Amino acid sequence: MNEYYFSEEHELFRQGLRQFYAKEVIPNIDEWEKAGEIPKYIWKKMGEMGYLGLNHPEKYGGSNVDFFYTVVFQEETLRVNSGGFGAAVGITPYMAGAHILASGSNYLKDKYLPKSISGEWIGALAISEPNAGSDVANIRTVAKREGEHYVINGSKTFITNGVLSDYIVAAVKTNPEAGAGGMSLIVIDRDTPGVSATKLNKLGWHASDTGEISFVDVRVPAEHLIGKEGHGFYYIMGRFQLERLMMAIGGASAAEFALEHALQYMSERQAFGKRINQFQALRHRIADMSAEIYRAKYFNYHLAKMHQDGKPVVKEASMAKLLSTELADQAIYKCLQFFGGYGFIEDYKIARMFRDSRIGTIGGGSSEIMREIIAKMVIDEVKYQKV
């Protein structure tokens, strides 16, 4: 079935990426998890291999390959067994850099994309605030135009790469009275005076730095505005399709990896004189999980093909994100049970999988928000146009 979506070239890319991770990343993951951050050199190594610009134009240093290389990238990255690593390395090419590529001026593309793709610069996307998470339209960070600059004041929270990033793509209110129509996106360099960040202590994703960012009288050149003033809300909504599809692919991959890990353990562990993979109650749970993972994977692949072909899949991507992240949470919970008491021990990989899976149903729009988006489209016949 994989051959329907993945060519021989895709599989060669998968083998190479898996080998790279086995050599450069997996041996260091435990150390990075304890440190609470990933050293910047790994981005440069990934940039040298071309992993950070798969879908970007060649003139910026990208590879401009089809979207199924990104599917492979996401699947293999989740198999590293560090949700924090996966989140950190995905933010620049698929969130912060993606906004610059999609809507930024040639000046912004020339300034930020080459160094993002090479791994020299790390990006962050700052939308959520202490009082505005899924309710994006109610952000309070303000950018006031003063001549050739914007002066920014406000704060952001739950920002992946919030402390270590070199630049921040931030959602701001350029017209606070205009609601969603008063929101804009702007690029802020980390070393701009008035920018500060504090690392947050998280339940999972320990390898990634997640921060709360403060902006106090931060002066940013007006040419750092992404696209048109007042269009930021629509740019954000337009990019959510990709973000949610990526999270769906990651959720299904995480569930599959957890099941593979559990099956290996169950083939070795014995109880009452036989391997525990021979107990019918456990075998039937595995059968159910395998079917659910298979269903989620191939739904995601279908949507990836539609996305590659330029088709809007807002409803479908919301469904995929809901189903796959909920599946990951439930499947990994069940897999931990197979390990018995050892599943509760941090030295076992399944414990980290369990912690890291929990954020999937919250980040990128919670499961409740996904259900409301789907309900609006199914019940109220709301239609979202491609931005």
Foldseek 3Di string as FASTA:
>chain_A
DVVVQDPPVLVVLLVVVLVCCVPPPLVCPVVLLVVLADDLVVLLVCLVVQNQAACHDVVLPHDNDFCVNVLSVLLSQLLSLFLLSSVQSCCCRQPVVVLCRVFADPVSCNVPRSCRSNSVFGEKEFQAAPVDDPNRLPAAWAWEDDPQKTFTFDKGFQIWCLAPGQKYFYWHFHPNVPGLQRIWTFIGGCPFPQKDWDFDDALASSSITTIMIGGDRGIDGNSRTGHDGSCHSVSVLQSLLRVLLSLLSNLLSLLVSLLVVLVVVQCPDDDPHGRNCPDPVVVVVSVVLVVLSVVLNVLSSVVSVCVSVVHDDSLSSLVSLLSRLVSSQVSLVVSLVSVPPVSVDPVDSSVNSNSSSVCSCPPSAHSVRSVVVNCCCPPVVDDDDND
